[in-house]
Amino acid sequence: MEVKITEKKENILLGRIEIKAHIKFSGATPSNVLVTEALAKEFKSTPELVLIKHIYNQFSLQEALVTAEIYKTAESKKKVQVNKKKKKAKVEGEQAAAPAKKGK
């Protein structure tokens, strides 16, 4: 997966960096976990501090536009973001399944 940052805005008040990125991939559209790991690697951060807002994909193209937020600290993320039970369970399930797939 190839990641190209198209827009980067630092929000000092909320303690985060708001980005828009263009990704190129092969096969199916990458999951939020894969995109999170790629952005964390790009910004030298941990995946826990990266929040994917949207992945916009066009039909039959191997490209997508991603909007995300990368927080500076876990405390700033906790203050700003409120996860609903359903979304929190989905994220935890994806993170638990991702390491299991890598081991195979």
N, C-alpha and C. Protein backbone atom coordinates (compact mmCIF):
# COMPACT_ATOMS: atom_id res chain seq x y z
N MET A 1 0.85 -1.17 0.00
CA MET A 1 0.00 0.00 0.00
C MET A 1 0.90 1.24 0.00
N GLU A 2 0.58 2.15 -0.88
CA GLU A 2 1.34 3.40 -1.01
C GLU A 2 0.51 4.55 -0.46
N VAL A 3 1.08 5.33 0.46
CA VAL A 3 0.39 6.43 1.11
C VAL A 3 1.03 7.74 0.68
N LYS A 4 0.19 8.69 0.22
CA LYS A 4 0.67 10.02 -0.15
C LYS A 4 -0.19 11.04 0.58
N ILE A 5 0.44 11.85 1.44
CA ILE A 5 -0.27 12.87 2.21
C ILE A 5 -0.56 14.05 1.30
N THR A 6 -1.85 14.41 1.17
CA THR A 6 -2.22 15.52 0.30
C THR A 6 -2.49 16.81 1.08
N GLU A 7 -2.93 16.67 2.33
CA GLU A 7 -3.22 17.85 3.15
C GLU A 7 -2.92 17.52 4.61
N LYS A 8 -2.27 18.46 5.29
CA LYS A 8 -1.90 18.24 6.69
C LYS A 8 -2.15 19.54 7.45
N LYS A 9 -2.95 19.46 8.51
CA LYS A 9 -3.28 20.65 9.30
C LYS A 9 -3.08 20.31 10.77
N GLU A 10 -2.26 21.10 11.45
CA GLU A 10 -2.02 20.87 12.87
C GLU A 10 -3.03 21.67 13.69
N ASN A 11 -3.76 20.97 14.54
CA ASN A 11 -4.75 21.58 15.41
C ASN A 11 -4.18 21.57 16.83
N ILE A 12 -3.56 22.66 17.23
CA ILE A 12 -2.88 22.74 18.52
C ILE A 12 -3.87 22.69 19.67
N LEU A 13 -5.03 23.30 19.51
CA LEU A 13 -6.02 23.34 20.57
C LEU A 13 -6.48 21.94 20.98
N LEU A 14 -6.68 21.07 20.01
CA LEU A 14 -7.14 19.71 20.29
C LEU A 14 -5.99 18.71 20.40
N GLY A 15 -4.77 19.14 20.13
CA GLY A 15 -3.61 18.26 20.26
C GLY A 15 -3.56 17.16 19.23
N ARG A 16 -3.84 17.51 17.97
CA ARG A 16 -3.84 16.50 16.92
C ARG A 16 -3.42 17.10 15.58
N ILE A 17 -3.16 16.21 14.65
CA ILE A 17 -2.87 16.59 13.27
C ILE A 17 -4.00 16.00 12.42
N GLU A 18 -4.66 16.84 11.65
CA GLU A 18 -5.74 16.39 10.78
C GLU A 18 -5.16 16.24 9.38
N ILE A 19 -5.34 15.07 8.79
CA ILE A 19 -4.73 14.82 7.48
C ILE A 19 -5.75 14.29 6.48
N LYS A 20 -5.39 14.50 5.22
CA LYS A 20 -6.07 13.85 4.10
C LYS A 20 -4.96 13.18 3.31
N ALA A 21 -5.18 11.93 2.96
CA ALA A 21 -4.16 11.16 2.26
C ALA A 21 -4.79 10.42 1.10
N HIS A 22 -3.96 10.14 0.12
CA HIS A 22 -4.35 9.37 -1.05
C HIS A 22 -3.60 8.05 -0.98
N ILE A 23 -4.32 6.93 -0.99
CA ILE A 23 -3.65 5.64 -0.91
C ILE A 23 -3.89 4.85 -2.18
N LYS A 24 -2.88 4.10 -2.57
CA LYS A 24 -2.98 3.17 -3.69
C LYS A 24 -2.76 1.78 -3.13
N PHE A 25 -3.57 0.83 -3.58
CA PHE A 25 -3.50 -0.53 -3.05
C PHE A 25 -3.84 -1.52 -4.14
N SER A 26 -3.61 -2.79 -3.87
CA SER A 26 -4.01 -3.83 -4.81
C SER A 26 -5.00 -4.74 -4.10
N GLY A 27 -5.96 -5.25 -4.83
CA GLY A 27 -6.97 -6.11 -4.23
C GLY A 27 -8.11 -5.30 -3.64
N ALA A 28 -8.65 -5.82 -2.54
CA ALA A 28 -9.78 -5.17 -1.87
C ALA A 28 -9.34 -3.91 -1.14
N THR A 29 -10.30 -3.05 -0.85
CA THR A 29 -10.02 -1.84 -0.09
C THR A 29 -9.48 -2.23 1.28
N PRO A 30 -8.36 -1.64 1.69
CA PRO A 30 -7.78 -2.02 2.99
C PRO A 30 -8.68 -1.65 4.16
N SER A 31 -8.59 -2.43 5.21
CA SER A 31 -9.42 -2.19 6.40
C SER A 31 -8.88 -0.98 7.17
N ASN A 32 -9.68 -0.53 8.12
CA ASN A 32 -9.26 0.60 8.95
C ASN A 32 -7.98 0.28 9.71
N VAL A 33 -7.82 -0.96 10.14
CA VAL A 33 -6.63 -1.36 10.90
C VAL A 33 -5.38 -1.24 10.04
N LEU A 34 -5.44 -1.69 8.79
CA LEU A 34 -4.28 -1.61 7.89
C LEU A 34 -3.92 -0.16 7.57
N VAL A 35 -4.93 0.67 7.35
CA VAL A 35 -4.68 2.08 7.05
C VAL A 35 -4.13 2.79 8.29
N THR A 36 -4.65 2.43 9.46
CA THR A 36 -4.15 3.00 10.71
C THR A 36 -2.68 2.69 10.90
N GLU A 37 -2.30 1.44 10.67
CA GLU A 37 -0.89 1.04 10.81
C GLU A 37 -0.01 1.77 9.82
N ALA A 38 -0.48 1.95 8.58
CA ALA A 38 0.31 2.64 7.56
C ALA A 38 0.51 4.11 7.92
N LEU A 39 -0.54 4.77 8.41
CA LEU A 39 -0.42 6.17 8.79
C LEU A 39 0.44 6.34 10.05
N ALA A 40 0.33 5.43 10.98
CA ALA A 40 1.16 5.49 12.19
C ALA A 40 2.63 5.35 11.81
N LYS A 41 2.92 4.47 10.87
CA LYS A 41 4.30 4.29 10.41
C LYS A 41 4.79 5.54 9.68
N GLU A 42 3.92 6.14 8.88
CA GLU A 42 4.27 7.35 8.12
C GLU A 42 4.59 8.53 9.04
N PHE A 43 3.83 8.67 10.14
CA PHE A 43 4.00 9.79 11.04
C PHE A 43 4.81 9.44 12.29
N LYS A 44 5.38 8.25 12.32
CA LYS A 44 6.20 7.78 13.45
C LYS A 44 5.42 7.91 14.76
N SER A 45 4.23 7.34 14.77
CA SER A 45 3.35 7.36 15.92
C SER A 45 2.90 5.94 16.22
N THR A 46 2.09 5.77 17.25
CA THR A 46 1.53 4.46 17.56
C THR A 46 0.14 4.34 16.95
N PRO A 47 -0.28 3.14 16.58
CA PRO A 47 -1.62 2.98 15.99
C PRO A 47 -2.76 3.39 16.92
N GLU A 48 -2.53 3.37 18.23
CA GLU A 48 -3.58 3.75 19.18
C GLU A 48 -3.91 5.24 19.09
N LEU A 49 -2.98 6.05 18.59
CA LEU A 49 -3.20 7.49 18.52
C LEU A 49 -3.78 7.94 17.17
N VAL A 50 -3.97 7.01 16.25
CA VAL A 50 -4.49 7.33 14.92
C VAL A 50 -5.97 6.98 14.86
N LEU A 51 -6.76 7.92 14.35
CA LEU A 51 -8.20 7.70 14.20
C LEU A 51 -8.58 7.93 12.75
N ILE A 52 -9.09 6.91 12.09
CA ILE A 52 -9.54 7.01 10.70
C ILE A 52 -10.98 7.50 10.71
N LYS A 53 -11.22 8.62 10.03
CA LYS A 53 -12.57 9.16 9.95
C LYS A 53 -13.34 8.53 8.78
N HIS A 54 -12.72 8.54 7.59
CA HIS A 54 -13.39 8.01 6.40
C HIS A 54 -12.37 7.42 5.43
N ILE A 55 -12.82 6.43 4.68
CA ILE A 55 -12.07 5.92 3.54
C ILE A 55 -13.03 5.99 2.35
N TYR A 56 -12.74 6.90 1.43
CA TYR A 56 -13.58 7.08 0.25
C TYR A 56 -12.94 6.36 -0.93
N ASN A 57 -13.67 5.40 -1.48
CA ASN A 57 -13.18 4.60 -2.59
C ASN A 57 -14.13 4.73 -3.77
N GLN A 58 -13.56 4.81 -4.97
CA GLN A 58 -14.39 4.83 -6.17
C GLN A 58 -14.45 3.42 -6.74
N PHE A 59 -15.58 3.09 -7.30
CA PHE A 59 -15.80 1.75 -7.85
C PHE A 59 -14.76 1.43 -8.92
N SER A 60 -14.19 0.27 -8.82
CA SER A 60 -13.23 -0.34 -9.76
C SER A 60 -11.86 0.34 -9.80
N LEU A 61 -11.59 1.27 -8.89
CA LEU A 61 -10.26 1.87 -8.82
C LEU A 61 -9.50 1.31 -7.63
N GLN A 62 -8.21 1.21 -7.77
CA GLN A 62 -7.36 0.71 -6.69
C GLN A 62 -6.77 1.89 -5.92
N GLU A 63 -7.58 2.91 -5.70
CA GLU A 63 -7.16 4.12 -5.00
C GLU A 63 -8.29 4.55 -4.06
N ALA A 64 -7.90 5.27 -3.02
CA ALA A 64 -8.90 5.78 -2.08
C ALA A 64 -8.39 7.06 -1.44
N LEU A 65 -9.33 7.88 -0.98
CA LEU A 65 -9.01 9.09 -0.24
C LEU A 65 -9.33 8.82 1.23
N VAL A 66 -8.39 9.12 2.11
CA VAL A 66 -8.55 8.84 3.54
C VAL A 66 -8.50 10.15 4.32
N THR A 67 -9.43 10.33 5.25
CA THR A 67 -9.35 11.43 6.19
C THR A 67 -9.11 10.82 7.56
N ALA A 68 -8.14 11.39 8.28
CA ALA A 68 -7.76 10.82 9.57
C ALA A 68 -7.27 11.90 10.52
N GLU A 69 -7.17 11.53 11.78
CA GLU A 69 -6.64 12.41 12.81
C GLU A 69 -5.58 11.64 13.58
N ILE A 70 -4.44 12.28 13.82
CA ILE A 70 -3.37 11.65 14.58
C ILE A 70 -3.14 12.51 15.82
N TYR A 71 -3.38 11.92 16.97
CA TYR A 71 -3.26 12.64 18.24
C TYR A 71 -1.84 12.57 18.76
N LYS A 72 -1.46 13.58 19.51
CA LYS A 72 -0.11 13.64 20.08
C LYS A 72 0.01 12.78 21.32
N THR A 73 -1.03 12.72 22.13
CA THR A 73 -1.02 11.91 23.35
C THR A 73 -2.34 11.15 23.49
N ALA A 74 -2.30 10.10 24.29
CA ALA A 74 -3.52 9.32 24.55
C ALA A 74 -4.53 10.14 25.34
N GLU A 75 -4.05 11.03 26.20
CA GLU A 75 -4.95 11.86 27.00
C GLU A 75 -5.74 12.82 26.11
N SER A 76 -5.08 13.42 25.13
CA SER A 76 -5.80 14.35 24.24
C SER A 76 -6.83 13.61 23.41
N LYS A 77 -6.53 12.38 23.00
CA LYS A 77 -7.50 11.60 22.24
C LYS A 77 -8.69 11.24 23.11
N LYS A 78 -8.42 10.87 24.34
CA LYS A 78 -9.50 10.47 25.26
C LYS A 78 -10.42 11.65 25.57
N LYS A 79 -9.86 12.86 25.69
CA LYS A 79 -10.66 14.04 25.98
C LYS A 79 -11.57 14.42 24.81
N VAL A 80 -11.07 14.27 23.61
CA VAL A 80 -11.79 14.74 22.43
C VAL A 80 -12.77 13.70 21.89
N GLN A 81 -12.34 12.45 21.79
CA GLN A 81 -13.14 11.41 21.15
C GLN A 81 -14.01 10.67 22.15
N VAL A 82 -15.25 10.43 21.76
CA VAL A 82 -16.17 9.63 22.55
C VAL A 82 -16.60 8.47 21.67
N ASN A 83 -16.20 7.26 22.05
CA ASN A 83 -16.57 6.08 21.28
C ASN A 83 -17.87 5.50 21.80
N LYS A 84 -18.75 5.17 20.89
CA LYS A 84 -19.98 4.51 21.26
C LYS A 84 -19.68 3.02 21.46
N LYS A 85 -20.51 2.32 22.17
CA LYS A 85 -20.26 0.92 22.50
C LYS A 85 -20.08 0.06 21.26
N LYS A 86 -20.92 0.27 20.26
CA LYS A 86 -20.88 -0.55 19.06
C LYS A 86 -19.57 -0.34 18.30
N LYS A 87 -19.15 0.91 18.13
CA LYS A 87 -17.92 1.21 17.42
C LYS A 87 -16.70 0.72 18.20
N LYS A 88 -16.72 0.86 19.51
CA LYS A 88 -15.61 0.42 20.34
C LYS A 88 -15.45 -1.10 20.24
N ALA A 89 -16.54 -1.83 20.26
CA ALA A 89 -16.48 -3.29 20.13
C ALA A 89 -15.95 -3.70 18.76
N LYS A 90 -16.33 -2.98 17.72
CA LYS A 90 -15.87 -3.29 16.37
C LYS A 90 -14.36 -3.06 16.25
N VAL A 91 -13.87 -1.95 16.77
CA VAL A 91 -12.44 -1.63 16.70
C VAL A 91 -11.63 -2.65 17.48
N GLU A 92 -12.08 -3.02 18.67
CA GLU A 92 -11.37 -4.01 19.47
C GLU A 92 -11.37 -5.36 18.78
N GLY A 93 -12.47 -5.72 18.13
CA GLY A 93 -12.54 -6.99 17.40
C GLY A 93 -11.58 -7.01 16.22
N GLU A 94 -11.49 -5.90 15.48
CA GLU A 94 -10.56 -5.83 14.35
C GLU A 94 -9.11 -5.90 14.81
N GLN A 95 -8.80 -5.24 15.92
CA GLN A 95 -7.43 -5.26 16.42
C GLN A 95 -7.06 -6.64 16.93
N ALA A 96 -8.00 -7.37 17.51
CA ALA A 96 -7.73 -8.72 17.99
C ALA A 96 -7.55 -9.68 16.81
N ALA A 97 -8.29 -9.46 15.72
CA ALA A 97 -8.21 -10.35 14.56
C ALA A 97 -6.98 -10.07 13.71
N ALA A 98 -6.50 -8.84 13.68
CA ALA A 98 -5.35 -8.50 12.83
C ALA A 98 -4.09 -9.25 13.21
N PRO A 99 -3.67 -9.36 14.47
CA PRO A 99 -2.46 -10.12 14.78
C PRO A 99 -2.62 -11.60 14.49
N ALA A 100 -3.83 -12.14 14.62
CA ALA A 100 -4.05 -13.56 14.34
C ALA A 100 -3.85 -13.86 12.85
N LYS A 101 -4.25 -12.93 11.98
CA LYS A 101 -4.09 -13.12 10.54
C LYS A 101 -2.63 -13.05 10.13
N LYS A 102 -1.85 -12.19 10.80
CA LYS A 102 -0.44 -12.04 10.45
C LYS A 102 0.35 -13.30 10.76
N GLY A 103 -0.06 -14.04 11.80
CA GLY A 103 0.67 -15.23 12.21
C GLY A 103 0.49 -16.40 11.27
N LYS A 104 -0.56 -16.39 10.47
CA LYS A 104 -0.84 -17.51 9.55
C LYS A 104 0.05 -17.51 8.35
